[in-house]
Amino acid sequence: MIVKPVEFAESAICDLEEILAWYAEQQVPDVGERLVQELFARTEQLAEFPESGRIVPEFDVKTIRELIHPPFRLVYRIDSTKIWIVRVWRSERLLRLP
């Protein structure tokens, strides 16, 4: 089995920071921190099972996938050497095609 490292793109890091900020504004920073920790933990499976997420319906590209962790979508891209977490969005948000 080939294990690929999982890395977070700057866009995903910004998304996580916005999640923390939003929950802090709602006066429940502990909820935001717990959710972000859960999101990080959720990505650990990708190192060994990169295709375990579903193909993102809006793109229908085999290498762009997502894990659903309500209320969030962890969108990631599989390349030849690693897994890139590219966005972390609310589940109900649809991705826009370029």
N, C-alpha and C. Protein backbone atom coordinates (compact mmCIF):
# COMPACT_ATOMS: atom_id res chain seq x y z
N MET A 1 0.85 -1.18 0.00
CA MET A 1 0.00 0.00 0.00
C MET A 1 0.89 1.25 0.00
N ILE A 2 0.59 2.18 -0.86
CA ILE A 2 1.33 3.44 -0.94
C ILE A 2 0.65 4.47 -0.05
N VAL A 3 1.41 5.05 0.85
CA VAL A 3 0.88 6.08 1.74
C VAL A 3 1.34 7.43 1.21
N LYS A 4 0.38 8.32 0.99
CA LYS A 4 0.69 9.67 0.50
C LYS A 4 0.51 10.68 1.62
N PRO A 5 1.41 11.65 1.73
CA PRO A 5 1.22 12.68 2.75
C PRO A 5 0.00 13.54 2.42
N VAL A 6 -0.63 14.03 3.47
CA VAL A 6 -1.79 14.92 3.34
C VAL A 6 -1.34 16.31 3.75
N GLU A 7 -1.54 17.28 2.86
CA GLU A 7 -1.17 18.66 3.16
C GLU A 7 -2.36 19.58 2.93
N PHE A 8 -2.36 20.68 3.66
CA PHE A 8 -3.43 21.67 3.54
C PHE A 8 -2.94 22.84 2.69
N ALA A 9 -3.69 23.15 1.64
CA ALA A 9 -3.38 24.32 0.83
C ALA A 9 -3.73 25.57 1.62
N GLU A 10 -3.13 26.68 1.24
CA GLU A 10 -3.40 27.94 1.94
C GLU A 10 -4.89 28.27 1.95
N SER A 11 -5.58 27.96 0.86
CA SER A 11 -7.03 28.23 0.79
C SER A 11 -7.78 27.46 1.88
N ALA A 12 -7.40 26.22 2.14
CA ALA A 12 -8.06 25.43 3.17
C ALA A 12 -7.71 25.95 4.57
N ILE A 13 -6.48 26.38 4.75
CA ILE A 13 -6.09 26.95 6.05
C ILE A 13 -6.90 28.22 6.32
N CYS A 14 -7.08 29.04 5.30
CA CYS A 14 -7.91 30.25 5.46
C CYS A 14 -9.35 29.87 5.81
N ASP A 15 -9.87 28.83 5.16
CA ASP A 15 -11.23 28.38 5.47
C ASP A 15 -11.33 27.97 6.94
N LEU A 16 -10.34 27.24 7.44
CA LEU A 16 -10.35 26.79 8.84
C LEU A 16 -10.26 27.98 9.79
N GLU A 17 -9.45 28.97 9.44
CA GLU A 17 -9.35 30.17 10.27
C GLU A 17 -10.68 30.92 10.30
N GLU A 18 -11.37 30.96 9.15
CA GLU A 18 -12.68 31.62 9.09
C GLU A 18 -13.71 30.87 9.93
N ILE A 19 -13.62 29.56 9.94
CA ILE A 19 -14.53 28.76 10.77
C ILE A 19 -14.30 29.09 12.24
N LEU A 20 -13.05 29.12 12.66
CA LEU A 20 -12.73 29.46 14.05
C LEU A 20 -13.23 30.86 14.39
N ALA A 21 -13.02 31.81 13.49
CA ALA A 21 -13.44 33.19 13.74
C ALA A 21 -14.97 33.28 13.85
N TRP A 22 -15.68 32.57 12.98
CA TRP A 22 -17.15 32.63 13.00
C TRP A 22 -17.68 32.10 14.32
N TYR A 23 -17.17 30.96 14.76
CA TYR A 23 -17.65 30.40 16.03
C TYR A 23 -17.26 31.29 17.21
N ALA A 24 -16.11 31.93 17.13
CA ALA A 24 -15.71 32.87 18.19
C ALA A 24 -16.68 34.05 18.24
N GLU A 25 -17.09 34.56 17.06
CA GLU A 25 -18.06 35.66 17.01
C GLU A 25 -19.41 35.24 17.59
N GLN A 26 -19.73 33.96 17.48
CA GLN A 26 -20.99 33.45 18.01
C GLN A 26 -20.90 33.15 19.51
N GLN A 27 -19.75 33.48 20.10
CA GLN A 27 -19.51 33.27 21.53
C GLN A 27 -19.38 31.80 21.91
N VAL A 28 -19.01 30.95 20.94
CA VAL A 28 -18.79 29.52 21.21
C VAL A 28 -17.47 29.07 20.57
N PRO A 29 -16.36 29.68 20.97
CA PRO A 29 -15.09 29.33 20.34
C PRO A 29 -14.71 27.86 20.55
N ASP A 30 -15.16 27.27 21.64
CA ASP A 30 -14.85 25.86 21.89
C ASP A 30 -15.48 24.95 20.85
N VAL A 31 -16.65 25.33 20.35
CA VAL A 31 -17.31 24.54 19.30
C VAL A 31 -16.48 24.61 18.02
N GLY A 32 -16.01 25.80 17.66
CA GLY A 32 -15.17 25.95 16.48
C GLY A 32 -13.89 25.15 16.59
N GLU A 33 -13.26 25.22 17.74
CA GLU A 33 -12.01 24.47 17.95
C GLU A 33 -12.24 22.97 17.86
N ARG A 34 -13.35 22.51 18.43
CA ARG A 34 -13.67 21.07 18.36
C ARG A 34 -13.90 20.64 16.92
N LEU A 35 -14.66 21.44 16.17
CA LEU A 35 -14.94 21.10 14.78
C LEU A 35 -13.67 21.07 13.94
N VAL A 36 -12.79 22.04 14.13
CA VAL A 36 -11.54 22.07 13.36
C VAL A 36 -10.69 20.86 13.71
N GLN A 37 -10.64 20.48 14.97
CA GLN A 37 -9.89 19.28 15.36
C GLN A 37 -10.49 18.03 14.70
N GLU A 38 -11.82 17.96 14.66
CA GLU A 38 -12.48 16.83 14.01
C GLU A 38 -12.17 16.81 12.52
N LEU A 39 -12.13 17.98 11.89
CA LEU A 39 -11.83 18.05 10.46
C LEU A 39 -10.41 17.56 10.18
N PHE A 40 -9.46 17.97 11.00
CA PHE A 40 -8.09 17.47 10.84
C PHE A 40 -8.05 15.95 11.00
N ALA A 41 -8.72 15.44 12.02
CA ALA A 41 -8.74 14.00 12.26
C ALA A 41 -9.38 13.26 11.08
N ARG A 42 -10.40 13.86 10.51
CA ARG A 42 -11.12 13.23 9.39
C ARG A 42 -10.22 13.02 8.19
N THR A 43 -9.24 13.90 8.00
CA THR A 43 -8.36 13.79 6.82
C THR A 43 -7.30 12.70 6.97
N GLU A 44 -7.09 12.19 8.16
CA GLU A 44 -6.03 11.20 8.39
C GLU A 44 -6.22 9.94 7.55
N GLN A 45 -7.46 9.56 7.27
CA GLN A 45 -7.71 8.35 6.48
C GLN A 45 -7.19 8.48 5.06
N LEU A 46 -7.04 9.70 4.57
CA LEU A 46 -6.66 9.91 3.18
C LEU A 46 -5.25 9.45 2.85
N ALA A 47 -4.35 9.45 3.82
CA ALA A 47 -2.98 9.02 3.58
C ALA A 47 -2.94 7.58 3.06
N GLU A 48 -3.78 6.73 3.61
CA GLU A 48 -3.82 5.33 3.19
C GLU A 48 -4.93 5.03 2.19
N PHE A 49 -6.00 5.82 2.25
CA PHE A 49 -7.16 5.57 1.40
C PHE A 49 -7.57 6.85 0.66
N PRO A 50 -6.73 7.31 -0.26
CA PRO A 50 -7.00 8.60 -0.91
C PRO A 50 -8.31 8.67 -1.71
N GLU A 51 -8.78 7.54 -2.17
CA GLU A 51 -10.02 7.54 -2.95
C GLU A 51 -11.24 7.23 -2.11
N SER A 52 -11.11 7.34 -0.78
CA SER A 52 -12.24 7.02 0.10
C SER A 52 -13.33 8.08 0.07
N GLY A 53 -13.01 9.29 -0.34
CA GLY A 53 -14.03 10.33 -0.48
C GLY A 53 -14.75 10.19 -1.81
N ARG A 54 -15.91 10.80 -1.88
CA ARG A 54 -16.66 10.74 -3.13
C ARG A 54 -16.12 11.76 -4.12
N ILE A 55 -16.33 11.51 -5.39
CA ILE A 55 -15.98 12.47 -6.42
C ILE A 55 -16.90 13.67 -6.26
N VAL A 56 -16.34 14.89 -6.31
CA VAL A 56 -17.14 16.10 -6.14
C VAL A 56 -18.10 16.19 -7.33
N PRO A 57 -19.41 16.16 -7.07
CA PRO A 57 -20.40 16.13 -8.15
C PRO A 57 -20.29 17.31 -9.12
N GLU A 58 -19.94 18.49 -8.61
CA GLU A 58 -19.89 19.67 -9.46
C GLU A 58 -18.76 19.59 -10.50
N PHE A 59 -17.73 18.80 -10.22
CA PHE A 59 -16.60 18.70 -11.14
C PHE A 59 -16.58 17.38 -11.91
N ASP A 60 -17.00 16.30 -11.27
CA ASP A 60 -16.99 14.98 -11.89
C ASP A 60 -15.61 14.62 -12.44
N VAL A 61 -14.58 14.89 -11.61
CA VAL A 61 -13.19 14.57 -11.95
C VAL A 61 -12.69 13.60 -10.88
N LYS A 62 -12.11 12.49 -11.32
CA LYS A 62 -11.71 11.43 -10.39
C LYS A 62 -10.72 11.88 -9.32
N THR A 63 -9.90 12.87 -9.62
CA THR A 63 -8.87 13.30 -8.66
C THR A 63 -9.32 14.44 -7.75
N ILE A 64 -10.53 14.93 -7.91
CA ILE A 64 -11.07 15.96 -7.02
C ILE A 64 -12.22 15.32 -6.25
N ARG A 65 -11.99 15.14 -4.96
CA ARG A 65 -12.92 14.39 -4.13
C ARG A 65 -13.26 15.18 -2.87
N GLU A 66 -14.18 14.63 -2.10
CA GLU A 66 -14.55 15.30 -0.86
C GLU A 66 -14.95 14.29 0.20
N LEU A 67 -14.68 14.69 1.42
CA LEU A 67 -15.18 13.98 2.59
C LEU A 67 -16.25 14.88 3.20
N ILE A 68 -17.33 14.30 3.58
CA ILE A 68 -18.40 15.06 4.23
C ILE A 68 -18.26 14.86 5.74
N HIS A 69 -18.15 15.97 6.44
CA HIS A 69 -18.13 15.96 7.90
C HIS A 69 -19.10 17.07 8.31
N PRO A 70 -20.39 16.72 8.45
CA PRO A 70 -21.40 17.75 8.68
C PRO A 70 -21.01 18.72 9.79
N PRO A 71 -21.19 20.00 9.54
CA PRO A 71 -21.81 20.62 8.37
C PRO A 71 -20.80 21.04 7.30
N PHE A 72 -19.68 20.32 7.15
CA PHE A 72 -18.64 20.76 6.22
C PHE A 72 -18.31 19.73 5.15
N ARG A 73 -17.76 20.25 4.06
CA ARG A 73 -17.21 19.46 2.96
C ARG A 73 -15.71 19.71 2.95
N LEU A 74 -14.92 18.65 3.04
CA LEU A 74 -13.47 18.75 2.91
C LEU A 74 -13.13 18.36 1.48
N VAL A 75 -12.84 19.34 0.67
CA VAL A 75 -12.55 19.10 -0.74
C VAL A 75 -11.04 18.91 -0.90
N TYR A 76 -10.67 17.83 -1.57
CA TYR A 76 -9.25 17.54 -1.73
C TYR A 76 -8.93 17.09 -3.15
N ARG A 77 -7.64 17.21 -3.47
CA ARG A 77 -7.15 16.82 -4.80
C ARG A 77 -6.05 15.78 -4.61
N ILE A 78 -6.12 14.75 -5.40
CA ILE A 78 -5.10 13.70 -5.37
C ILE A 78 -4.13 13.98 -6.50
N ASP A 79 -2.83 14.11 -6.17
CA ASP A 79 -1.84 14.19 -7.23
C ASP A 79 -0.87 13.02 -7.10
N SER A 80 0.15 12.99 -7.89
CA SER A 80 1.03 11.82 -7.93
C SER A 80 1.83 11.60 -6.65
N THR A 81 2.05 12.66 -5.87
CA THR A 81 2.89 12.51 -4.68
C THR A 81 2.19 12.78 -3.36
N LYS A 82 1.06 13.47 -3.37
CA LYS A 82 0.41 13.80 -2.11
C LYS A 82 -1.07 14.09 -2.30
N ILE A 83 -1.73 14.27 -1.16
CA ILE A 83 -3.14 14.66 -1.12
C ILE A 83 -3.18 16.10 -0.65
N TRP A 84 -3.87 16.95 -1.39
CA TRP A 84 -4.00 18.36 -1.03
C TRP A 84 -5.42 18.65 -0.58
N ILE A 85 -5.58 19.06 0.67
CA ILE A 85 -6.89 19.56 1.12
C ILE A 85 -6.96 20.98 0.58
N VAL A 86 -7.92 21.25 -0.30
CA VAL A 86 -7.95 22.55 -0.97
C VAL A 86 -9.01 23.50 -0.43
N ARG A 87 -10.12 22.97 0.07
CA ARG A 87 -11.17 23.85 0.62
C ARG A 87 -11.91 23.12 1.73
N VAL A 88 -12.46 23.91 2.63
CA VAL A 88 -13.33 23.39 3.69
C VAL A 88 -14.55 24.31 3.69
N TRP A 89 -15.66 23.79 3.21
CA TRP A 89 -16.85 24.61 3.04
C TRP A 89 -18.06 23.99 3.74
N ARG A 90 -19.06 24.83 3.96
CA ARG A 90 -20.33 24.34 4.48
C ARG A 90 -20.91 23.32 3.50
N SER A 91 -21.54 22.29 4.01
CA SER A 91 -22.06 21.20 3.17
C SER A 91 -23.06 21.66 2.13
N GLU A 92 -23.86 22.66 2.47
CA GLU A 92 -24.90 23.08 1.53
C GLU A 92 -24.37 23.98 0.42
N ARG A 93 -23.13 24.41 0.53
CA ARG A 93 -22.55 25.31 -0.48
C ARG A 93 -22.13 24.52 -1.71
N LEU A 94 -22.57 24.98 -2.87
CA LEU A 94 -22.17 24.35 -4.12
C LEU A 94 -20.89 24.99 -4.61
N LEU A 95 -20.02 24.18 -5.17
CA LEU A 95 -18.77 24.70 -5.73
C LEU A 95 -19.07 25.36 -7.07
N ARG A 96 -18.36 26.41 -7.36
CA ARG A 96 -18.51 27.07 -8.66
C ARG A 96 -17.46 26.54 -9.61
N LEU A 97 -17.87 26.28 -10.80
CA LEU A 97 -16.92 25.84 -11.83
C LEU A 97 -16.26 27.08 -12.42
N PRO A 98 -14.97 26.96 -12.78
CA PRO A 98 -14.27 28.13 -13.36
C PRO A 98 -14.83 28.51 -14.71
